[in-house]
N, C-alpha and C. Protein backbone atom coordinates (compact mmCIF):
# COMPACT_ATOMS: atom_id res chain seq x y z
N MET A 1 4.52 2.73 -18.76
CA MET A 1 3.92 4.00 -18.45
C MET A 1 4.94 5.13 -18.60
N VAL A 2 6.14 4.94 -18.08
CA VAL A 2 7.17 5.97 -18.16
C VAL A 2 7.55 6.22 -19.62
N SER A 3 7.71 5.15 -20.38
CA SER A 3 8.07 5.26 -21.79
C SER A 3 6.98 6.03 -22.56
N ARG A 4 5.73 5.73 -22.28
CA ARG A 4 4.63 6.42 -22.96
C ARG A 4 4.59 7.89 -22.58
N ALA A 5 4.80 8.19 -21.29
CA ALA A 5 4.80 9.59 -20.84
C ALA A 5 5.93 10.37 -21.51
N LYS A 6 7.10 9.77 -21.57
CA LYS A 6 8.24 10.44 -22.22
C LYS A 6 7.96 10.63 -23.71
N GLY A 7 7.44 9.60 -24.34
CA GLY A 7 7.14 9.67 -25.77
C GLY A 7 6.12 10.75 -26.11
N LYS A 8 5.21 11.01 -25.23
CA LYS A 8 4.19 12.05 -25.45
C LYS A 8 4.67 13.43 -25.03
N GLY A 9 5.87 13.48 -24.43
CA GLY A 9 6.40 14.77 -23.97
C GLY A 9 5.70 15.31 -22.74
N ALA A 10 5.16 14.42 -21.94
CA ALA A 10 4.44 14.86 -20.73
C ALA A 10 5.39 15.62 -19.81
N GLU A 11 4.96 16.78 -19.36
CA GLU A 11 5.76 17.61 -18.46
C GLU A 11 5.50 17.29 -17.00
N ILE A 12 4.45 16.52 -16.73
CA ILE A 12 4.11 16.13 -15.36
C ILE A 12 3.95 14.61 -15.33
N LEU A 13 4.62 13.99 -14.38
CA LEU A 13 4.46 12.56 -14.14
C LEU A 13 3.78 12.43 -12.78
N CYS A 14 2.51 12.07 -12.79
CA CYS A 14 1.72 11.97 -11.57
C CYS A 14 1.46 10.50 -11.28
N CYS A 15 1.97 10.02 -10.14
CA CYS A 15 1.87 8.60 -9.80
C CYS A 15 1.17 8.42 -8.48
N LEU A 16 0.20 7.54 -8.45
CA LEU A 16 -0.51 7.20 -7.22
C LEU A 16 -0.10 5.78 -6.88
N SER A 17 1.17 5.59 -6.67
CA SER A 17 1.77 4.27 -6.60
C SER A 17 2.04 3.79 -5.19
N PHE A 18 2.04 2.48 -5.04
CA PHE A 18 2.56 1.88 -3.82
C PHE A 18 4.08 2.00 -3.87
N PHE A 19 4.72 1.80 -2.75
CA PHE A 19 6.14 2.07 -2.62
C PHE A 19 7.00 1.36 -3.68
N ASP A 20 6.87 0.05 -3.80
CA ASP A 20 7.72 -0.69 -4.75
C ASP A 20 7.53 -0.21 -6.18
N ASP A 21 6.29 0.03 -6.57
CA ASP A 21 6.02 0.54 -7.92
C ASP A 21 6.62 1.93 -8.11
N ALA A 22 6.50 2.76 -7.10
CA ALA A 22 7.02 4.12 -7.18
C ALA A 22 8.53 4.12 -7.36
N ILE A 23 9.21 3.24 -6.65
CA ILE A 23 10.67 3.13 -6.79
C ILE A 23 11.02 2.72 -8.22
N MET A 24 10.31 1.72 -8.74
CA MET A 24 10.58 1.26 -10.11
C MET A 24 10.30 2.36 -11.13
N ILE A 25 9.25 3.14 -10.92
CA ILE A 25 8.92 4.23 -11.83
C ILE A 25 10.04 5.27 -11.84
N MET A 26 10.54 5.61 -10.66
CA MET A 26 11.62 6.59 -10.58
C MET A 26 12.88 6.07 -11.27
N ARG A 27 13.20 4.82 -11.03
CA ARG A 27 14.39 4.23 -11.67
C ARG A 27 14.23 4.15 -13.18
N ALA A 28 13.02 3.83 -13.64
CA ALA A 28 12.78 3.77 -15.08
C ALA A 28 12.89 5.16 -15.70
N ALA A 29 12.35 6.18 -15.03
CA ALA A 29 12.44 7.54 -15.55
C ALA A 29 13.89 7.98 -15.68
N LYS A 30 14.70 7.66 -14.69
CA LYS A 30 16.12 8.02 -14.76
C LYS A 30 16.82 7.24 -15.87
N ALA A 31 16.56 5.94 -15.95
CA ALA A 31 17.20 5.10 -16.97
C ALA A 31 16.87 5.59 -18.38
N MET A 32 15.66 6.11 -18.56
CA MET A 32 15.24 6.61 -19.88
C MET A 32 15.56 8.09 -20.07
N ASN A 33 16.19 8.67 -19.07
CA ASN A 33 16.51 10.10 -19.07
C ASN A 33 15.26 10.94 -19.34
N TYR A 34 14.18 10.54 -18.72
CA TYR A 34 12.92 11.27 -18.81
C TYR A 34 12.91 12.31 -17.70
N ASN A 35 12.86 13.58 -18.07
CA ASN A 35 12.95 14.68 -17.12
C ASN A 35 11.70 15.56 -17.15
N PRO A 36 10.59 15.08 -16.60
CA PRO A 36 9.42 15.94 -16.54
C PRO A 36 9.67 17.12 -15.62
N LYS A 37 8.94 18.20 -15.81
CA LYS A 37 9.10 19.38 -14.96
C LYS A 37 8.64 19.11 -13.54
N LEU A 38 7.70 18.17 -13.38
CA LEU A 38 7.15 17.86 -12.08
C LEU A 38 6.91 16.37 -11.96
N ILE A 39 7.37 15.79 -10.86
CA ILE A 39 7.03 14.41 -10.52
C ILE A 39 6.25 14.48 -9.22
N PHE A 40 5.07 13.88 -9.23
CA PHE A 40 4.21 13.81 -8.04
C PHE A 40 4.03 12.34 -7.70
N GLN A 41 4.38 11.97 -6.48
CA GLN A 41 4.21 10.60 -6.00
C GLN A 41 3.34 10.64 -4.76
N GLN A 42 2.14 10.15 -4.85
CA GLN A 42 1.27 10.12 -3.67
C GLN A 42 1.68 8.97 -2.76
N THR A 43 1.89 9.24 -1.53
CA THR A 43 2.20 8.30 -0.46
C THR A 43 3.65 7.84 -0.45
N ALA A 44 4.15 7.26 -1.52
CA ALA A 44 5.47 6.62 -1.50
C ALA A 44 6.59 7.56 -1.06
N SER A 45 6.60 8.80 -1.54
CA SER A 45 7.73 9.68 -1.27
C SER A 45 7.74 10.26 0.14
N ILE A 46 6.70 10.02 0.93
CA ILE A 46 6.73 10.51 2.31
C ILE A 46 7.26 9.45 3.27
N LEU A 47 7.49 8.24 2.80
CA LEU A 47 7.99 7.18 3.66
C LEU A 47 9.49 7.35 3.90
N PRO A 48 9.96 7.05 5.09
CA PRO A 48 11.39 7.19 5.38
C PRO A 48 12.28 6.39 4.42
N ALA A 49 11.81 5.27 3.94
CA ALA A 49 12.62 4.42 3.05
C ALA A 49 12.81 5.02 1.66
N TRP A 50 12.03 6.02 1.30
CA TRP A 50 12.11 6.63 -0.03
C TRP A 50 13.53 7.12 -0.34
N MET A 51 14.07 7.96 0.51
CA MET A 51 15.41 8.51 0.27
C MET A 51 16.48 7.45 0.47
N LYS A 52 16.25 6.55 1.39
CA LYS A 52 17.21 5.46 1.60
C LYS A 52 17.34 4.61 0.34
N GLU A 53 16.22 4.34 -0.30
CA GLU A 53 16.20 3.50 -1.50
C GLU A 53 16.72 4.23 -2.73
N LEU A 54 16.38 5.51 -2.88
CA LEU A 54 16.70 6.24 -4.10
C LEU A 54 17.88 7.20 -3.99
N GLY A 55 18.27 7.55 -2.79
CA GLY A 55 19.34 8.54 -2.63
C GLY A 55 18.92 9.86 -3.25
N GLU A 56 19.86 10.55 -3.86
CA GLU A 56 19.60 11.86 -4.47
C GLU A 56 18.47 11.83 -5.50
N ASP A 57 18.26 10.68 -6.12
CA ASP A 57 17.20 10.58 -7.13
C ASP A 57 15.80 10.69 -6.52
N GLY A 58 15.68 10.60 -5.21
CA GLY A 58 14.39 10.75 -4.56
C GLY A 58 14.01 12.19 -4.28
N ASN A 59 14.94 13.10 -4.51
CA ASN A 59 14.66 14.53 -4.27
C ASN A 59 13.79 15.13 -5.36
N TYR A 60 13.19 16.26 -5.03
CA TYR A 60 12.38 17.07 -5.95
C TYR A 60 11.13 16.34 -6.44
N VAL A 61 10.53 15.57 -5.55
CA VAL A 61 9.27 14.88 -5.84
C VAL A 61 8.19 15.53 -4.97
N ALA A 62 7.13 15.98 -5.60
CA ALA A 62 6.04 16.63 -4.89
C ALA A 62 5.08 15.59 -4.30
N ASN A 63 4.36 16.02 -3.28
CA ASN A 63 3.42 15.15 -2.60
C ASN A 63 2.40 16.02 -1.88
N SER A 64 1.36 15.41 -1.39
CA SER A 64 0.45 16.09 -0.48
C SER A 64 0.29 15.20 0.74
N THR A 65 0.07 15.83 1.87
CA THR A 65 -0.04 15.08 3.11
C THR A 65 -1.06 15.75 4.02
N PHE A 66 -1.49 15.05 5.04
CA PHE A 66 -2.47 15.59 5.97
C PHE A 66 -1.83 16.03 7.28
N TRP A 67 -0.54 15.83 7.42
CA TRP A 67 0.18 16.26 8.61
C TRP A 67 1.66 16.33 8.27
N HIS A 68 2.36 17.20 8.99
CA HIS A 68 3.82 17.33 8.85
C HIS A 68 4.37 17.72 10.21
N PRO A 69 5.55 17.20 10.58
CA PRO A 69 6.08 17.47 11.93
C PRO A 69 6.44 18.93 12.20
N LEU A 70 6.58 19.73 11.18
CA LEU A 70 6.96 21.12 11.40
C LEU A 70 5.80 22.10 11.26
N LEU A 71 4.57 21.59 11.21
CA LEU A 71 3.42 22.49 11.19
C LEU A 71 3.36 23.25 12.51
N PRO A 72 2.96 24.52 12.46
CA PRO A 72 2.93 25.34 13.67
C PRO A 72 1.62 25.22 14.46
N PHE A 73 1.19 24.00 14.71
CA PHE A 73 -0.08 23.79 15.38
C PHE A 73 0.12 23.08 16.71
N PRO A 74 -0.85 23.25 17.62
CA PRO A 74 -0.74 22.63 18.95
C PRO A 74 -0.62 21.11 18.88
N GLY A 75 0.29 20.57 19.65
CA GLY A 75 0.45 19.13 19.73
C GLY A 75 1.61 18.57 18.93
N ASN A 76 2.12 19.34 17.99
CA ASN A 76 3.22 18.81 17.18
C ASN A 76 4.49 18.60 17.99
N SER A 77 4.73 19.44 18.97
CA SER A 77 5.92 19.25 19.79
C SER A 77 5.83 17.93 20.55
N ALA A 78 4.63 17.55 21.00
CA ALA A 78 4.47 16.26 21.70
C ALA A 78 4.75 15.08 20.76
N ILE A 79 4.31 15.19 19.52
CA ILE A 79 4.57 14.13 18.54
C ILE A 79 6.07 13.99 18.32
N ASN A 80 6.73 15.12 18.12
CA ASN A 80 8.18 15.09 17.85
C ASN A 80 8.97 14.63 19.06
N GLU A 81 8.57 15.07 20.24
CA GLU A 81 9.26 14.63 21.46
C GLU A 81 9.09 13.12 21.66
N GLY A 82 7.90 12.60 21.38
CA GLY A 82 7.67 11.17 21.48
C GLY A 82 8.52 10.38 20.50
N ALA A 83 8.64 10.88 19.28
CA ALA A 83 9.47 10.21 18.27
C ALA A 83 10.93 10.19 18.71
N LYS A 84 11.38 11.31 19.26
CA LYS A 84 12.77 11.39 19.71
C LYS A 84 13.02 10.44 20.88
N ALA A 85 12.11 10.43 21.86
CA ALA A 85 12.29 9.59 23.04
C ALA A 85 12.19 8.10 22.71
N ARG A 86 11.27 7.74 21.84
CA ARG A 86 11.04 6.32 21.56
C ARG A 86 11.92 5.77 20.45
N SER A 87 12.25 6.61 19.47
CA SER A 87 12.97 6.11 18.29
C SER A 87 14.31 6.78 18.05
N GLY A 88 14.61 7.83 18.81
CA GLY A 88 15.88 8.52 18.62
C GLY A 88 15.95 9.34 17.35
N ILE A 89 14.79 9.72 16.80
CA ILE A 89 14.76 10.54 15.59
C ILE A 89 14.23 11.92 15.95
N PRO A 90 14.67 12.96 15.24
CA PRO A 90 14.32 14.32 15.66
C PRO A 90 12.86 14.72 15.42
N PHE A 91 12.21 14.12 14.44
CA PHE A 91 10.84 14.47 14.11
C PHE A 91 10.01 13.22 13.92
N GLY A 92 8.72 13.34 14.21
CA GLY A 92 7.82 12.22 13.99
C GLY A 92 7.67 11.96 12.50
N PRO A 93 7.82 10.72 12.05
CA PRO A 93 7.56 10.40 10.64
C PRO A 93 6.10 10.70 10.30
N LEU A 94 5.82 10.99 9.05
CA LEU A 94 4.47 11.38 8.68
C LEU A 94 3.43 10.34 9.06
N PHE A 95 3.70 9.07 8.82
CA PHE A 95 2.72 8.05 9.16
C PHE A 95 2.50 7.98 10.67
N PHE A 96 3.51 8.26 11.46
CA PHE A 96 3.41 8.32 12.92
C PHE A 96 2.47 9.45 13.32
N GLY A 97 2.65 10.59 12.69
CA GLY A 97 1.82 11.75 12.98
C GLY A 97 0.37 11.55 12.60
N PHE A 98 0.11 10.85 11.48
CA PHE A 98 -1.27 10.58 11.08
C PHE A 98 -2.01 9.86 12.20
N GLY A 99 -1.42 8.78 12.68
CA GLY A 99 -2.05 7.99 13.74
C GLY A 99 -2.27 8.81 14.99
N TYR A 100 -1.27 9.58 15.37
CA TYR A 100 -1.39 10.42 16.56
C TYR A 100 -2.55 11.41 16.40
N CYS A 101 -2.63 12.06 15.23
CA CYS A 101 -3.69 13.04 14.99
C CYS A 101 -5.07 12.41 15.09
N TRP A 102 -5.24 11.24 14.50
CA TRP A 102 -6.54 10.57 14.55
C TRP A 102 -6.90 10.24 16.00
N MET A 103 -5.94 9.70 16.73
CA MET A 103 -6.22 9.31 18.11
C MET A 103 -6.42 10.53 19.01
N LYS A 104 -5.68 11.59 18.77
CA LYS A 104 -5.84 12.83 19.54
C LYS A 104 -7.24 13.40 19.32
N THR A 105 -7.69 13.40 18.08
CA THR A 105 -9.02 13.89 17.76
C THR A 105 -10.08 13.05 18.48
N LEU A 106 -9.95 11.74 18.39
CA LEU A 106 -10.91 10.85 19.06
C LEU A 106 -10.84 11.04 20.58
N GLY A 107 -9.65 11.15 21.12
CA GLY A 107 -9.49 11.34 22.56
C GLY A 107 -10.16 12.61 23.05
N LEU A 108 -10.00 13.71 22.32
CA LEU A 108 -10.64 14.97 22.71
C LEU A 108 -12.16 14.86 22.61
N ALA A 109 -12.64 14.13 21.61
CA ALA A 109 -14.08 13.97 21.44
C ALA A 109 -14.66 13.13 22.57
N VAL A 110 -13.99 12.05 22.94
CA VAL A 110 -14.46 11.20 24.05
C VAL A 110 -14.42 11.98 25.35
N GLN A 111 -13.32 12.70 25.57
CA GLN A 111 -13.19 13.50 26.80
C GLN A 111 -14.28 14.57 26.86
N GLY A 112 -14.52 15.25 25.76
CA GLY A 112 -15.54 16.29 25.74
C GLY A 112 -16.95 15.74 25.90
N ALA A 113 -17.21 14.57 25.32
CA ALA A 113 -18.54 13.96 25.43
C ALA A 113 -18.74 13.34 26.81
N GLY A 114 -17.65 12.96 27.46
CA GLY A 114 -17.73 12.35 28.78
C GLY A 114 -18.28 10.94 28.76
N THR A 115 -18.20 10.30 27.61
CA THR A 115 -18.76 8.95 27.46
C THR A 115 -18.16 8.28 26.24
N LEU A 116 -18.37 6.98 26.12
CA LEU A 116 -17.96 6.24 24.93
C LEU A 116 -19.14 6.03 23.97
N ASP A 117 -20.25 6.65 24.25
CA ASP A 117 -21.43 6.56 23.39
C ASP A 117 -21.13 7.25 22.05
N ASN A 118 -21.23 6.49 20.95
CA ASN A 118 -20.90 7.02 19.62
C ASN A 118 -21.70 8.26 19.26
N SER A 119 -22.97 8.27 19.57
CA SER A 119 -23.82 9.42 19.21
C SER A 119 -23.37 10.68 19.94
N LYS A 120 -23.02 10.54 21.20
CA LYS A 120 -22.59 11.71 21.97
C LYS A 120 -21.19 12.18 21.54
N ILE A 121 -20.35 11.25 21.18
CA ILE A 121 -19.03 11.62 20.65
C ILE A 121 -19.21 12.38 19.33
N ARG A 122 -20.05 11.84 18.46
CA ARG A 122 -20.33 12.49 17.18
C ARG A 122 -20.89 13.90 17.39
N ASP A 123 -21.85 14.02 18.30
CA ASP A 123 -22.46 15.33 18.56
C ASP A 123 -21.44 16.32 19.13
N HIS A 124 -20.54 15.83 19.96
CA HIS A 124 -19.51 16.72 20.51
C HIS A 124 -18.58 17.19 19.38
N LEU A 125 -18.19 16.30 18.49
CA LEU A 125 -17.35 16.70 17.35
C LEU A 125 -18.06 17.74 16.49
N ARG A 126 -19.32 17.54 16.23
CA ARG A 126 -20.09 18.45 15.37
C ARG A 126 -20.30 19.83 15.98
N SER A 127 -20.33 19.92 17.30
CA SER A 127 -20.69 21.18 17.93
C SER A 127 -19.52 21.95 18.54
N ASN A 128 -18.29 21.50 18.29
CA ASN A 128 -17.12 22.18 18.86
C ASN A 128 -16.04 22.35 17.81
N LYS A 129 -15.11 23.22 18.11
CA LYS A 129 -13.92 23.41 17.27
C LYS A 129 -12.72 22.98 18.10
N PHE A 130 -11.72 22.45 17.40
CA PHE A 130 -10.57 21.87 18.09
C PHE A 130 -9.27 22.41 17.51
N ASP A 131 -8.30 22.66 18.40
CA ASP A 131 -6.94 22.97 17.97
C ASP A 131 -6.17 21.65 17.99
N LEU A 132 -5.73 21.24 16.82
CA LEU A 132 -5.11 19.93 16.65
C LEU A 132 -3.78 20.05 15.93
N PRO A 133 -2.97 19.00 15.91
CA PRO A 133 -1.68 19.07 15.24
C PRO A 133 -1.76 19.35 13.73
N TYR A 134 -2.94 19.23 13.14
CA TYR A 134 -3.09 19.49 11.71
C TYR A 134 -3.89 20.76 11.42
N GLY A 135 -4.20 21.54 12.45
CA GLY A 135 -4.87 22.81 12.20
C GLY A 135 -5.54 23.38 13.44
N ARG A 136 -5.87 24.65 13.36
CA ARG A 136 -6.56 25.34 14.45
C ARG A 136 -8.05 25.46 14.12
N GLU A 137 -8.84 25.39 15.18
CA GLU A 137 -10.29 25.53 15.07
C GLU A 137 -10.89 24.58 14.03
N ILE A 138 -10.47 23.34 14.09
CA ILE A 138 -11.00 22.31 13.19
C ILE A 138 -12.42 21.98 13.63
N SER A 139 -13.34 21.99 12.69
CA SER A 139 -14.74 21.63 12.97
C SER A 139 -15.07 20.39 12.14
N PHE A 140 -16.16 19.76 12.50
CA PHE A 140 -16.58 18.53 11.82
C PHE A 140 -18.02 18.68 11.35
N ASP A 141 -18.29 18.21 10.14
CA ASP A 141 -19.63 18.35 9.57
C ASP A 141 -20.57 17.24 10.04
N LYS A 142 -21.77 17.21 9.48
CA LYS A 142 -22.77 16.24 9.91
C LYS A 142 -22.35 14.80 9.66
N ARG A 143 -21.39 14.60 8.74
CA ARG A 143 -20.88 13.25 8.48
C ARG A 143 -19.73 12.89 9.43
N GLY A 144 -19.27 13.88 10.19
CA GLY A 144 -18.16 13.66 11.10
C GLY A 144 -16.81 13.93 10.46
N LEU A 145 -16.81 14.63 9.34
CA LEU A 145 -15.57 14.91 8.61
C LEU A 145 -15.14 16.36 8.78
N PRO A 146 -13.82 16.59 8.84
CA PRO A 146 -13.34 17.98 8.87
C PRO A 146 -13.42 18.55 7.46
N PRO A 147 -13.27 19.88 7.32
CA PRO A 147 -13.25 20.44 5.96
C PRO A 147 -12.06 19.89 5.20
N PRO A 148 -12.16 19.81 3.87
CA PRO A 148 -11.03 19.29 3.09
C PRO A 148 -9.78 20.14 3.33
N PHE A 149 -8.67 19.49 3.50
CA PHE A 149 -7.41 20.19 3.67
C PHE A 149 -6.27 19.23 3.34
N CYS A 150 -5.17 19.79 2.96
CA CYS A 150 -3.93 19.02 2.82
C CYS A 150 -2.79 20.01 2.74
N PHE A 151 -1.61 19.50 2.95
CA PHE A 151 -0.40 20.31 2.93
C PHE A 151 0.44 19.83 1.76
N LYS A 152 1.05 20.74 1.06
CA LYS A 152 1.90 20.39 -0.08
C LYS A 152 3.34 20.25 0.38
N THR A 153 3.99 19.21 -0.09
CA THR A 153 5.37 18.94 0.29
C THR A 153 6.21 18.61 -0.94
N GLN A 154 7.50 18.60 -0.74
CA GLN A 154 8.44 18.16 -1.76
C GLN A 154 9.66 17.58 -1.05
N THR A 155 10.14 16.46 -1.54
CA THR A 155 11.38 15.94 -0.98
C THR A 155 12.51 16.83 -1.49
N THR A 156 13.23 17.39 -0.55
CA THR A 156 14.32 18.31 -0.86
C THR A 156 15.41 18.08 0.18
N ARG A 157 16.65 18.01 -0.26
CA ARG A 157 17.78 17.78 0.65
C ARG A 157 17.56 16.51 1.49
N GLY A 158 16.90 15.52 0.90
CA GLY A 158 16.71 14.25 1.57
C GLY A 158 15.58 14.20 2.59
N ARG A 159 14.78 15.27 2.67
CA ARG A 159 13.69 15.33 3.65
C ARG A 159 12.39 15.74 2.97
N VAL A 160 11.29 15.38 3.60
CA VAL A 160 9.98 15.84 3.14
C VAL A 160 9.78 17.23 3.73
N GLU A 161 9.86 18.24 2.88
CA GLU A 161 9.76 19.63 3.32
C GLU A 161 8.39 20.21 2.97
N LEU A 162 7.91 21.12 3.81
CA LEU A 162 6.63 21.79 3.58
C LEU A 162 6.77 22.89 2.54
N LEU A 163 5.84 22.93 1.60
CA LEU A 163 5.76 24.01 0.61
C LEU A 163 4.59 24.94 0.86
N TRP A 164 3.47 24.34 1.32
CA TRP A 164 2.25 25.09 1.51
C TRP A 164 1.47 24.52 2.66
N PRO A 165 0.92 25.32 3.52
CA PRO A 165 0.68 26.76 3.36
C PRO A 165 1.97 27.57 3.53
N ARG A 166 2.00 28.69 2.86
CA ARG A 166 3.22 29.51 2.83
C ARG A 166 3.74 29.88 4.21
N GLU A 167 2.82 30.18 5.13
CA GLU A 167 3.26 30.60 6.47
C GLU A 167 3.94 29.47 7.24
N ALA A 168 3.82 28.25 6.77
CA ALA A 168 4.47 27.11 7.43
C ALA A 168 5.58 26.50 6.58
N ALA A 169 5.83 27.05 5.40
CA ALA A 169 6.80 26.46 4.47
C ALA A 169 8.20 26.36 5.10
N THR A 170 8.84 25.23 4.86
CA THR A 170 10.20 25.00 5.34
C THR A 170 11.22 25.09 4.21
N THR A 171 10.74 25.24 2.99
CA THR A 171 11.61 25.38 1.83
C THR A 171 10.81 26.02 0.70
N LYS A 172 11.51 26.39 -0.35
CA LYS A 172 10.85 26.90 -1.55
C LYS A 172 10.73 25.76 -2.55
N TRP A 173 9.68 25.80 -3.33
CA TRP A 173 9.43 24.79 -4.33
C TRP A 173 10.51 24.84 -5.40
N VAL A 174 11.05 23.69 -5.72
CA VAL A 174 12.02 23.59 -6.81
C VAL A 174 11.23 23.17 -8.05
N TYR A 175 11.07 24.11 -8.96
CA TYR A 175 10.34 23.86 -10.20
C TYR A 175 10.94 24.71 -11.29
N PRO A 176 11.22 24.16 -12.42
CA PRO A 176 11.05 22.76 -12.79
C PRO A 176 12.08 21.88 -12.06
N ARG A 177 11.72 20.62 -11.99
CA ARG A 177 12.59 19.64 -11.35
C ARG A 177 13.90 19.55 -12.12
N PRO A 178 15.04 19.57 -11.41
CA PRO A 178 16.32 19.47 -12.11
C PRO A 178 16.46 18.12 -12.83
N ALA A 179 17.28 18.11 -13.86
CA ALA A 179 17.55 16.86 -14.58
C ALA A 179 18.24 15.88 -13.65
N TRP A 180 18.16 14.63 -13.98
CA TRP A 180 18.79 13.57 -13.19
C TRP A 180 20.28 13.81 -13.05
N SER A 181 20.81 13.53 -11.88
CA SER A 181 22.26 13.61 -11.70
C SER A 181 22.87 12.32 -12.24
N LYS A 182 24.10 12.36 -12.58
CA LYS A 182 24.77 11.18 -13.15
C LYS A 182 25.00 10.12 -12.12
């Protein structure tokens, strides 16, 4: 895949890879000196092991996520404090935050409905707005889903940094992606 992308002069390498495949793709791109302007790795590059495995070569990879520890929304401080107390790390890892957000949403719905009855929980979600770690005034449609949303990130300086929304950005987008370091 990497060889074909390089041969075609592709300026974007978009990978929806599992972790091991994503690591191999990055190593192959470097070995072939393939320097696309943008590398996008869904899921793999947000894992803590990404930078550990790739070092500097893991930087400047774009991603999208549904939560980030530095979002300015209610509840994020609790996630980060829990990560620090339990694991000794300064911020909650993204996968940690995902689980917390899902459970927080469910907990608020159960509390608001005052019951474990699925229909009443669903109705409470549909008829209220919630301030959650992934956004303010989140509402849920008739299927029980929030409006589509995601946050854009890029691994920079060894961390998954926020790019968008702009008001929450923790870094500026590095584009085009720099050539591989030696």
